[in-house]
PDB file of N, CA and C in Angstrom:
ATOM      1  N   ASN A   1      89.129  72.780  94.345  1.00  0.00           N
ATOM      2  CA  ASN A   1      88.841  74.016  93.546  1.00  0.00           C
ATOM      3  C   ASN A   1      89.433  75.244  94.293  1.00  0.00           C
ATOM      4  N   SER A   2      90.140  76.012  93.625  1.00  0.00           N
ATOM      5  CA  SER A   2      90.773  77.054  94.098  1.00  0.00           C
ATOM      6  C   SER A   2      89.824  78.323  94.234  1.00  0.00           C
ATOM      7  N   GLY A   3      88.868  78.343  93.277  1.00  0.00           N
ATOM      8  CA  GLY A   3      87.843  79.386  93.370  1.00  0.00           C
ATOM      9  C   GLY A   3      88.436  80.622  92.727  1.00  0.00           C
ATOM     10  N   ILE A   4      89.510  80.490  92.050  1.00  0.00           N
ATOM     11  CA  ILE A   4      90.191  81.527  91.036  1.00  0.00           C
ATOM     12  C   ILE A   4      89.042  81.553  89.898  1.00  0.00           C
ATOM     13  N   VAL A   5      88.924  82.827  89.458  1.00  0.00           N
ATOM     14  CA  VAL A   5      88.100  83.132  88.207  1.00  0.00           C
ATOM     15  C   VAL A   5      89.239  83.221  87.125  1.00  0.00           C
ATOM     16  N   HIS A   6      89.391  82.260  86.187  1.00  0.00           N
ATOM     17  CA  HIS A   6      90.512  82.254  85.286  1.00  0.00           C
ATOM     18  C   HIS A   6      90.203  83.350  84.242  1.00  0.00           C
ATOM     19  N   THR A   7      91.353  84.055  84.032  1.00  0.00           N
ATOM     20  CA  THR A   7      91.240  85.059  82.859  1.00  0.00           C
ATOM     21  C   THR A   7      91.551  84.496  81.600  1.00  0.00           C
ATOM     22  N   GLY A   8      91.897  83.435  81.242  1.00  0.00           N
ATOM     23  CA  GLY A   8      92.081  82.963  79.919  1.00  0.00           C
ATOM     24  C   GLY A   8      93.343  83.532  79.194  1.00  0.00           C
ATOM     25  N   PHE A   9      94.418  83.789  80.226  1.00  0.00           N
ATOM     26  CA  PHE A   9      95.584  84.133  79.885  1.00  0.00           C
ATOM     27  C   PHE A   9      96.482  83.336  78.963  1.00  0.00           C
ATOM     28  N   ASP A  10      96.068  81.947  78.903  1.00  0.00           N
ATOM     29  CA  ASP A  10      96.831  80.956  78.277  1.00  0.00           C
ATOM     30  C   ASP A  10      95.966  80.302  77.084  1.00  0.00           C
ATOM     31  N   ALA A  11      94.735  80.973  77.098  1.00  0.00           N
ATOM     32  CA  ALA A  11      93.846  80.173  76.186  1.00  0.00           C
ATOM     33  C   ALA A  11      94.103  80.530  74.746  1.00  0.00           C
ATOM     34  N   THR A  12      93.696  79.554  73.691  1.00  0.00           N
ATOM     35  CA  THR A  12      94.032  80.004  72.317  1.00  0.00           C
ATOM     36  C   THR A  12      93.136  81.370  71.885  1.00  0.00           C
ATOM     37  N   PRO A  13      93.775  82.132  71.402  1.00  0.00           N
ATOM     38  CA  PRO A  13      92.846  83.432  70.845  1.00  0.00           C
ATOM     39  C   PRO A  13      91.740  82.935  69.853  1.00  0.00           C
ATOM     40  N   ASN A  14      90.523  83.704  69.985  1.00  0.00           N
ATOM     41  CA  ASN A  14      89.548  83.691  69.154  1.00  0.00           C
ATOM     42  C   ASN A  14      88.901  82.388  69.310  1.00  0.00           C
ATOM     43  N   THR A  15      88.750  81.722  70.433  1.00  0.00           N
ATOM     44  CA  THR A  15      88.110  80.314  70.578  1.00  0.00           C
ATOM     45  C   THR A  15      86.861  80.516  71.334  1.00  0.00           C
ATOM     46  N   ILE A  16      86.159  79.564  71.347  1.00  0.00           N
ATOM     47  CA  ILE A  16      85.049  79.574  72.367  1.00  0.00           C
ATOM     48  C   ILE A  16      85.413  79.369  73.679  1.00  0.00           C
ATOM     49  N   GLU A  17      86.637  78.739  74.099  1.00  0.00           N
ATOM     50  CA  GLU A  17      87.120  78.770  75.243  1.00  0.00           C
ATOM     51  C   GLU A  17      87.429  80.071  75.927  1.00  0.00           C
ATOM     52  N   LEU A  18      88.060  80.743  75.036  1.00  0.00           N
ATOM     53  CA  LEU A  18      88.585  82.200  75.564  1.00  0.00           C
ATOM     54  C   LEU A  18      87.075  83.131  75.838  1.00  0.00           C
ATOM     55  N   GLN A  19      86.245  82.913  74.887  1.00  0.00           N
ATOM     56  CA  GLN A  19      85.083  83.696  74.850  1.00  0.00           C
ATOM     57  C   GLN A  19      84.362  83.268  76.173  1.00  0.00           C
ATOM     58  N   CYS A  20      84.121  82.201  76.533  1.00  0.00           N
ATOM     59  CA  CYS A  20      83.405  81.578  77.564  1.00  0.00           C
ATOM     60  C   CYS A  20      84.245  82.068  78.900  1.00  0.00           C
ATOM     61  N   LEU A  21      85.488  82.088  79.075  1.00  0.00           N
ATOM     62  CA  LEU A  21      86.160  82.522  80.054  1.00  0.00           C
ATOM     63  C   LEU A  21      86.010  83.967  80.404  1.00  0.00           C
ATOM     64  N   GLU A  22      86.095  84.674  79.430  1.00  0.00           N
ATOM     65  CA  GLU A  22      85.812  86.293  79.322  1.00  0.00           C
ATOM     66  C   GLU A  22      84.321  86.439  79.959  1.00  0.00           C
ATOM     67  N   ASP A  23      83.308  85.625  79.459  1.00  0.00           N
ATOM     68  CA  ASP A  23      81.915  85.865  79.728  1.00  0.00           C
ATOM     69  C   ASP A  23      81.659  85.435  81.281  1.00  0.00           C
ATOM     70  N   ALA A  24      82.097  84.359  81.594  1.00  0.00           N
ATOM     71  CA  ALA A  24      82.007  83.748  83.077  1.00  0.00           C
ATOM     72  C   ALA A  24      82.676  84.880  83.981  1.00  0.00           C
ATOM     73  N   ARG A  25      83.829  85.451  83.707  1.00  0.00           N
ATOM     74  CA  ARG A  25      84.362  86.360  84.688  1.00  0.00           C
ATOM     75  C   ARG A  25      83.231  87.622  84.955  1.00  0.00           C
ATOM     76  N   VAL A  26      82.628  88.152  83.886  1.00  0.00           N
ATOM     77  CA  VAL A  26      81.695  89.200  83.859  1.00  0.00           C
ATOM     78  C   VAL A  26      80.506  88.650  84.697  1.00  0.00           C
ATOM     79  N   LEU A  27      80.003  87.426  84.414  1.00  0.00           N
ATOM     80  CA  LEU A  27      78.711  86.970  84.947  1.00  0.00           C
ATOM     81  C   LEU A  27      79.024  86.614  86.555  1.00  0.00           C
ATOM     82  N   ASN A  28      80.224  86.072  86.827  1.00  0.00           N
ATOM     83  CA  ASN A  28      80.553  85.872  88.280  1.00  0.00           C
ATOM     84  C   ASN A  28      80.572  86.929  89.058  1.00  0.00           C
ATOM     85  N   ARG A  29      81.116  88.026  88.626  1.00  0.00           N
ATOM     86  CA  ARG A  29      81.391  89.378  89.307  1.00  0.00           C
ATOM     87  C   ARG A  29      79.787  89.947  89.502  1.00  0.00           C
ATOM     88  N   ASP A  30      79.028  89.903  88.352  1.00  0.00           N
ATOM     89  CA  ASP A  30      77.693  90.467  88.534  1.00  0.00           C
ATOM     90  C   ASP A  30      76.857  89.563  89.523  1.00  0.00           C
ATOM     91  N   LEU A  31      76.909  88.315  89.612  1.00  0.00           N
ATOM     92  CA  LEU A  31      76.420  87.546  90.627  1.00  0.00           C
ATOM     93  C   LEU A  31      76.895  87.748  92.106  1.00  0.00           C
ATOM     94  N   TYR A  32      78.341  87.989  92.141  1.00  0.00           N
ATOM     95  CA  TYR A  32      78.725  88.317  93.438  1.00  0.00           C
ATOM     96  C   TYR A  32      78.134  89.639  94.130  1.00  0.00           C
ATOM     97  N   THR A  33      78.039  90.400  93.305  1.00  0.00           N
ATOM     98  CA  THR A  33      77.591  91.649  93.471  1.00  0.00           C
ATOM     99  C   THR A  33      75.980  91.710  94.037  1.00  0.00           C
ATOM    100  N   LYS A  34      75.334  91.061  92.969  1.00  0.00           N
ATOM    101  CA  LYS A  34      73.709  91.044  92.970  1.00  0.00           C
ATOM    102  C   LYS A  34      73.374  90.219  94.253  1.00  0.00           C
ATOM    103  N   TYR A  35      74.077  89.172  94.759  1.00  0.00           N
ATOM    104  CA  TYR A  35      73.848  88.465  96.037  1.00  0.00           C
ATOM    105  C   TYR A  35      74.448  88.696  97.088  1.00  0.00           C
ATOM    106  N   ASN A  36      75.473  89.829  96.866  1.00  0.00           N
ATOM    107  CA  ASN A  36      76.195  90.240  98.001  1.00  0.00           C
ATOM    108  C   ASN A  36      77.088  89.130  98.733  1.00  0.00           C
ATOM    109  N   LEU A  37      77.710  88.356  97.568  1.00  0.00           N
ATOM    110  CA  LEU A  37      78.480  87.207  97.889  1.00  0.00           C
ATOM    111  C   LEU A  37      80.219  87.680  98.269  1.00  0.00           C
ATOM    112  N   PRO A  38      80.611  87.302  99.129  1.00  0.00           N
ATOM    113  CA  PRO A  38      82.130  87.454  99.431  1.00  0.00           C
ATOM    114  C   PRO A  38      82.912  87.233  98.193  1.00  0.00           C
ATOM    115  N   PHE A  39      83.738  88.354  97.834  1.00  0.00           N
ATOM    116  CA  PHE A  39      84.848  87.702  96.693  1.00  0.00           C
ATOM    117  C   PHE A  39      85.830  88.690  96.863  1.00  0.00           C
ATOM    118  N   GLN A  40      87.129  88.045  96.795  1.00  0.00           N
ATOM    119  CA  GLN A  40      88.376  88.555  96.906  1.00  0.00           C
ATOM    120  C   GLN A  40      89.239  88.344  95.595  1.00  0.00           C
ATOM    121  N   GLN A  41      89.425  89.188  94.836  1.00  0.00           N
ATOM    122  CA  GLN A  41      90.238  89.190  93.692  1.00  0.00           C
ATOM    123  C   GLN A  41      91.742  89.241  94.091  1.00  0.00           C
ATOM    124  N   ARG A  42      92.647  87.915  94.322  1.00  0.00           N
ATOM    125  CA  ARG A  42      93.740  87.895  94.935  1.00  0.00           C
ATOM    126  C   ARG A  42      95.041  87.708  93.874  1.00  0.00           C
ATOM    127  N   GLY A  43      94.428  87.396  92.771  1.00  0.00           N
ATOM    128  CA  GLY A  43      95.474  87.233  91.766  1.00  0.00           C
ATOM    129  C   GLY A  43      96.137  85.814  91.836  1.00  0.00           C
ATOM    130  N   SER A  44      96.890  85.561  90.883  1.00  0.00           N
ATOM    131  CA  SER A  44      97.635  84.106  90.724  1.00  0.00           C
ATOM    132  C   SER A  44      99.028  84.401  90.390  1.00  0.00           C
ATOM    133  N   LEU A  45      99.971  83.365  90.848  1.00  0.00           N
ATOM    134  CA  LEU A  45     101.256  83.132  90.350  1.00  0.00           C
ATOM    135  C   LEU A  45     101.368  81.727  89.454  1.00  0.00           C
ATOM    136  N   LEU A  46     102.040  82.011  88.322  1.00  0.00           N
ATOM    137  CA  LEU A  46     102.250  80.854  87.489  1.00  0.00           C
ATOM    138  C   LEU A  46     103.773  80.665  87.713  1.00  0.00           C
ATOM    139  N   VAL A  47     104.131  79.753  88.542  1.00  0.00           N
ATOM    140  CA  VAL A  47     105.587  79.584  89.020  1.00  0.00           C
ATOM    141  C   VAL A  47     106.384  78.756  88.245  1.00  0.00           C
ATOM    142  N   ALA A  48     107.668  79.157  87.749  1.00  0.00           N
ATOM    143  CA  ALA A  48     108.491  78.283  86.881  1.00  0.00           C
ATOM    144  C   ALA A  48     109.464  77.574  87.811  1.00  0.00           C
ATOM    145  N   TRP A  49     109.449  76.266  87.751  1.00  0.00           N
ATOM    146  CA  TRP A  49     110.279  75.452  88.570  1.00  0.00           C
ATOM    147  C   TRP A  49     111.435  74.860  87.884  1.00  0.00           C
ATOM    148  N   THR A  50     111.412  74.757  86.531  1.00  0.00           N
ATOM    149  CA  THR A  50     112.711  74.381  85.835  1.00  0.00           C
ATOM    150  C   THR A  50     113.023  75.516  84.764  1.00  0.00           C
ATOM    151  N   TYR A  51     114.328  75.243  84.241  1.00  0.00           N
ATOM    152  CA  TYR A  51     114.665  76.099  83.145  1.00  0.00           C
ATOM    153  C   TYR A  51     113.743  76.070  82.099  1.00  0.00           C
ATOM    154  N   ASP A  52     113.239  74.979  81.547  1.00  0.00           N
ATOM    155  CA  ASP A  52     112.219  75.051  80.487  1.00  0.00           C
ATOM    156  C   ASP A  52     111.103  75.689  80.719  1.00  0.00           C
ATOM    157  N   GLN A  53     110.223  75.619  82.230  1.00  0.00           N
ATOM    158  CA  GLN A  53     109.415  76.459  82.419  1.00  0.00           C
ATOM    159  C   GLN A  53     109.688  77.884  82.312  1.00  0.00           C
ATOM    160  N   MET A  54     110.726  78.116  82.796  1.00  0.00           N
ATOM    161  CA  MET A  54     111.435  79.592  83.030  1.00  0.00           C
ATOM    162  C   MET A  54     111.554  80.386  81.420  1.00  0.00           C
ATOM    163  N   SER A  55     111.775  79.553  80.509  1.00  0.00           N
ATOM    164  CA  SER A  55     112.009  79.753  79.218  1.00  0.00           C
ATOM    165  C   SER A  55     110.716  80.276  78.472  1.00  0.00           C
ATOM    166  N   LYS A  56     109.733  79.626  79.074  1.00  0.00           N
ATOM    167  CA  LYS A  56     108.332  79.683  78.335  1.00  0.00           C
ATOM    168  C   LYS A  56     107.635  80.869  78.979  1.00  0.00           C
ATOM    169  N   LEU A  57     108.012  81.494  80.025  1.00  0.00           N
ATOM    170  CA  LEU A  57     107.308  82.684  80.580  1.00  0.00           C
ATOM    171  C   LEU A  57     107.222  83.677  79.757  1.00  0.00           C
ATOM    172  N   PRO A  58     108.141  84.101  79.009  1.00  0.00           N
ATOM    173  CA  PRO A  58     107.875  85.365  78.009  1.00  0.00           C
ATOM    174  C   PRO A  58     106.676  84.981  76.998  1.00  0.00           C
ATOM    175  N   SER A  59     106.708  83.903  76.360  1.00  0.00           N
ATOM    176  CA  SER A  59     105.803  83.818  75.590  1.00  0.00           C
ATOM    177  C   SER A  59     104.445  83.565  76.177  1.00  0.00           C
ATOM    178  N   LEU A  60     104.369  83.017  77.324  1.00  0.00           N
ATOM    179  CA  LEU A  60     103.056  83.030  78.074  1.00  0.00           C
ATOM    180  C   LEU A  60     102.554  84.418  78.324  1.00  0.00           C
ATOM    181  N   LEU A  61     103.584  85.359  78.673  1.00  0.00           N
ATOM    182  CA  LEU A  61     103.042  86.585  79.157  1.00  0.00           C
ATOM    183  C   LEU A  61     102.836  87.356  77.597  1.00  0.00           C
ATOM    184  N   SER A  62     103.285  87.139  76.533  1.00  0.00           N
ATOM    185  CA  SER A  62     102.972  87.474  75.336  1.00  0.00           C
ATOM    186  C   SER A  62     101.396  87.309  74.923  1.00  0.00           C
ATOM    187  N   ALA A  63     101.131  85.881  75.250  1.00  0.00           N
ATOM    188  CA  ALA A  63      99.761  85.179  74.753  1.00  0.00           C
ATOM    189  C   ALA A  63      98.764  85.921  75.725  1.00  0.00           C
ATOM    190  N   ALA A  64      99.212  86.026  77.033  1.00  0.00           N
ATOM    191  CA  ALA A  64      98.276  86.802  78.105  1.00  0.00           C
ATOM    192  C   ALA A  64      98.022  88.201  77.411  1.00  0.00           C
ATOM    193  N   HIS A  65      98.878  89.014  77.187  1.00  0.00           N
ATOM    194  CA  HIS A  65      98.727  90.343  76.521  1.00  0.00           C
ATOM    195  C   HIS A  65      97.701  90.233  75.441  1.00  0.00           C
ATOM    196  N   ASN A  66      98.104  89.282  74.395  1.00  0.00           N
ATOM    197  CA  ASN A  66      97.163  89.188  73.102  1.00  0.00           C
ATOM    198  C   ASN A  66      95.726  88.797  73.556  1.00  0.00           C
ATOM    199  N   ASN A  67      95.534  87.968  74.701  1.00  0.00           N
ATOM    200  CA  ASN A  67      94.219  87.698  75.049  1.00  0.00           C
ATOM    201  C   ASN A  67      93.451  88.783  75.984  1.00  0.00           C
ATOM    202  N   GLY A  68      94.290  89.896  76.022  1.00  0.00           N
ATOM    203  CA  GLY A  68      93.484  91.025  76.808  1.00  0.00           C
ATOM    204  C   GLY A  68      93.964  91.031  78.358  1.00  0.00           C
ATOM    205  N   VAL A  69      94.762  90.307  78.582  1.00  0.00           N
ATOM    206  CA  VAL A  69      95.210  90.246  80.057  1.00  0.00           C
ATOM    207  C   VAL A  69      96.395  90.948  80.289  1.00  0.00           C
ATOM    208  N   THR A  70      96.330  92.394  80.074  1.00  0.00           N
ATOM    209  CA  THR A  70      97.344  93.184  79.944  1.00  0.00           C
ATOM    210  C   THR A  70      98.127  93.543  81.215  1.00  0.00           C
ATOM    211  N   ASP A  71      97.430  93.282  82.266  1.00  0.00           N
ATOM    212  CA  ASP A  71      97.934  93.496  83.559  1.00  0.00           C
ATOM    213  C   ASP A  71      98.845  92.156  84.065  1.00  0.00           C
ATOM    214  N   ALA A  72      99.079  91.146  83.343  1.00  0.00           N
ATOM    215  CA  ALA A  72     100.093  90.350  83.649  1.00  0.00           C
ATOM    216  C   ALA A  72     101.420  90.735  83.580  1.00  0.00           C
ATOM    217  N   TYR A  73     102.449  90.310  84.240  1.00  0.00           N
ATOM    218  CA  TYR A  73     103.883  90.601  84.237  1.00  0.00           C
ATOM    219  C   TYR A  73     104.926  89.532  84.748  1.00  0.00           C
ATOM    220  N   LEU A  74     106.025  89.598  84.494  1.00  0.00           N
ATOM    221  CA  LEU A  74     107.003  88.622  84.990  1.00  0.00           C
ATOM    222  C   LEU A  74     107.602  89.149  86.278  1.00  0.00           C
ATOM    223  N   ILE A  75     108.106  88.432  87.033  1.00  0.00           N
ATOM    224  CA  ILE A  75     108.737  88.647  88.398  1.00  0.00           C
ATOM    225  C   ILE A  75     109.972  87.577  88.528  1.00  0.00           C
ATOM    226  N   SER A  76     111.204  88.222  88.920  1.00  0.00           N
ATOM    227  CA  SER A  76     112.255  87.527  89.164  1.00  0.00           C
ATOM    228  C   SER A  76     112.092  86.492  90.321  1.00  0.00           C
ATOM    229  N   ARG A  77     113.104  85.564  90.573  1.00  0.00           N
ATOM    230  CA  ARG A  77     113.078  84.627  91.572  1.00  0.00           C
ATOM    231  C   ARG A  77     113.093  85.389  93.015  1.00  0.00           C
ATOM    232  N   GLU A  78     114.038  86.304  93.078  1.00  0.00           N
ATOM    233  CA  GLU A  78     114.193  87.190  94.305  1.00  0.00           C
ATOM    234  C   GLU A  78     112.758  87.807  94.430  1.00  0.00           C
ATOM    235  N   GLU A  79     112.264  88.445  93.688  1.00  0.00           N
ATOM    236  CA  GLU A  79     110.636  89.064  93.985  1.00  0.00           C
ATOM    237  C   GLU A  79     109.621  87.990  94.342  1.00  0.00           C
ATOM    238  N   LEU A  80     109.754  86.831  93.758  1.00  0.00           N
ATOM    239  CA  LEU A  80     108.765  85.755  93.881  1.00  0.00           C
ATOM    240  C   LEU A  80     108.984  85.358  95.447  1.00  0.00           C
ATOM    241  N   LEU A  81     110.203  85.255  95.752  1.00  0.00           N
ATOM    242  CA  LEU A  81     110.505  84.549  97.224  1.00  0.00           C
ATOM    243  C   LEU A  81     110.227  85.785  98.167  1.00  0.00           C
ATOM    244  N   LYS A  82     110.164  86.957  97.791  1.00  0.00           N
ATOM    245  CA  LYS A  82     110.027  88.143  98.611  1.00  0.00           C
ATOM    246  C   LYS A  82     108.627  88.136  98.951  1.00  0.00           C
ATOM    247  N   ARG A  83     107.661  87.875  97.911  1.00  0.00           N
ATOM    248  CA  ARG A  83     106.281  87.785  97.780  1.00  0.00           C
ATOM    249  C   ARG A  83     105.667  86.552  98.762  1.00  0.00           C
ATOM    250  N   GLU A  84     106.326  85.473  98.495  1.00  0.00           N
ATOM    251  CA  GLU A  84     105.973  84.127  98.948  1.00  0.00           C
ATOM    252  C   GLU A  84     107.131  83.437  99.719  1.00  0.00           C
ATOM    253  N   PRO A  85     107.526  84.176 100.778  1.00  0.00           N
ATOM    254  CA  PRO A  85     108.703  83.538 101.631  1.00  0.00           C
ATOM    255  C   PRO A  85     108.647  81.988 101.953  1.00  0.00           C
ATOM    256  N   HIS A  86     107.512  81.354 101.997  1.00  0.00           N
ATOM    257  CA  HIS A  86     107.450  79.989 102.251  1.00  0.00           C
ATOM    258  C   HIS A  86     107.428  79.123 101.060  1.00  0.00           C
ATOM    259  N   LEU A  87     107.567  79.499 100.009  1.00  0.00           N
ATOM    260  CA  LEU A  87     107.598  78.894  98.719  1.00  0.00           C
ATOM    261  C   LEU A  87     109.090  78.121  98.582  1.00  0.00           C
ATOM    262  N   ASN A  88     108.963  76.915  98.035  1.00  0.00           N
ATOM    263  CA  ASN A  88     110.299  76.280  97.799  1.00  0.00           C
ATOM    264  C   ASN A  88     111.217  77.025  97.089  1.00  0.00           C
ATOM    265  N   PRO A  89     112.427  77.197  97.677  1.00  0.00           N
ATOM    266  CA  PRO A  89     113.404  78.159  97.057  1.00  0.00           C
ATOM    267  C   PRO A  89     113.840  77.781  95.767  1.00  0.00           C
ATOM    268  N   VAL A  90     113.531  76.691  95.191  1.00  0.00           N
ATOM    269  CA  VAL A  90     113.978  76.209  93.969  1.00  0.00           C
ATOM    270  C   VAL A  90     113.351  76.889  92.840  1.00  0.00           C
ATOM    271  N   ALA A  91     112.225  77.552  93.247  1.00  0.00           N
ATOM    272  CA  ALA A  91     111.431  78.205  92.103  1.00  0.00           C
ATOM    273  C   ALA A  91     112.269  79.371  91.561  1.00  0.00           C
ATOM    274  N   MET A  92     112.137  79.424  90.239  1.00  0.00           N
ATOM    275  CA  MET A  92     112.911  80.214  89.434  1.00  0.00           C
ATOM    276  C   MET A  92     112.498  81.663  89.106  1.00  0.00           C
ATOM    277  N   GLY A  93     111.166  81.780  89.011  1.00  0.00           N
ATOM    278  CA  GLY A  93     110.488  83.064  88.581  1.00  0.00           C
ATOM    279  C   GLY A  93     109.112  82.595  88.442  1.00  0.00           C
ATOM    280  N   ALA A  94     108.238  83.754  88.095  1.00  0.00           N
ATOM    281  CA  ALA A  94     106.918  83.515  87.913  1.00  0.00           C
ATOM    282  C   ALA A  94     106.167  84.700  87.099  1.00  0.00           C
ATOM    283  N   MET A  95     105.176  84.204  86.374  1.00  0.00           N
ATOM    284  CA  MET A  95     104.165  85.351  85.974  1.00  0.00           C
ATOM    285  C   MET A  95     103.031  85.609  86.924  1.00  0.00           C
ATOM    286  N   VAL A  96     102.842  86.910  87.110  1.00  0.00           N
ATOM    287  CA  VAL A  96     101.866  87.280  88.093  1.00  0.00           C
ATOM    288  C   VAL A  96     100.536  87.598  87.106  1.00  0.00           C
ATOM    289  N   ILE A  97      99.503  87.104  87.474  1.00  0.00           N
ATOM    290  CA  ILE A  97      98.349  87.407  86.899  1.00  0.00           C
ATOM    291  C   ILE A  97      97.374  88.084  87.878  1.00  0.00           C
ATOM    292  N   PRO A  98      97.293  89.430  88.119  1.00  0.00           N
ATOM    293  CA  PRO A  98      96.408  90.056  89.189  1.00  0.00           C
ATOM    294  C   PRO A  98      94.978  89.951  89.012  1.00  0.00           C
ATOM    295  N   GLY A  99      94.501  89.830  87.771  1.00  0.00           N
ATOM    296  CA  GLY A  99      93.128  89.553  87.406  1.00  0.00           C
ATOM    297  C   GLY A  99      92.369  88.309  87.907  1.00  0.00           C
ATOM    298  N   GLU A 100      93.163  87.189  88.372  1.00  0.00           N
ATOM    299  CA  GLU A 100      92.824  86.043  88.820  1.00  0.00           C
ATOM    300  C   GLU A 100      92.633  85.901  90.310  1.00  0.00           C
TER     301      GLU A 100
END
């Protein structure tokens, strides 16, 4: 388990799944604060490894924004490798999800 608090960026809108993910984020943060538990919001990267995956990133970004994850954005291969220099260089680009 990565411990990432999923934002629901790719969930189907207006579903119980999305509502549960949104509620869980709030509950988790409240519990971390209440019990003084360490928590670091690091964000996540959805890396595209193929042309097909790369072509889907814009629609995933649109879905994220429609689900209220408005801080998500796309980065180029160059920016991705600059951020993550040990990542396999065949990576083509990524979506950044800061809230995860």
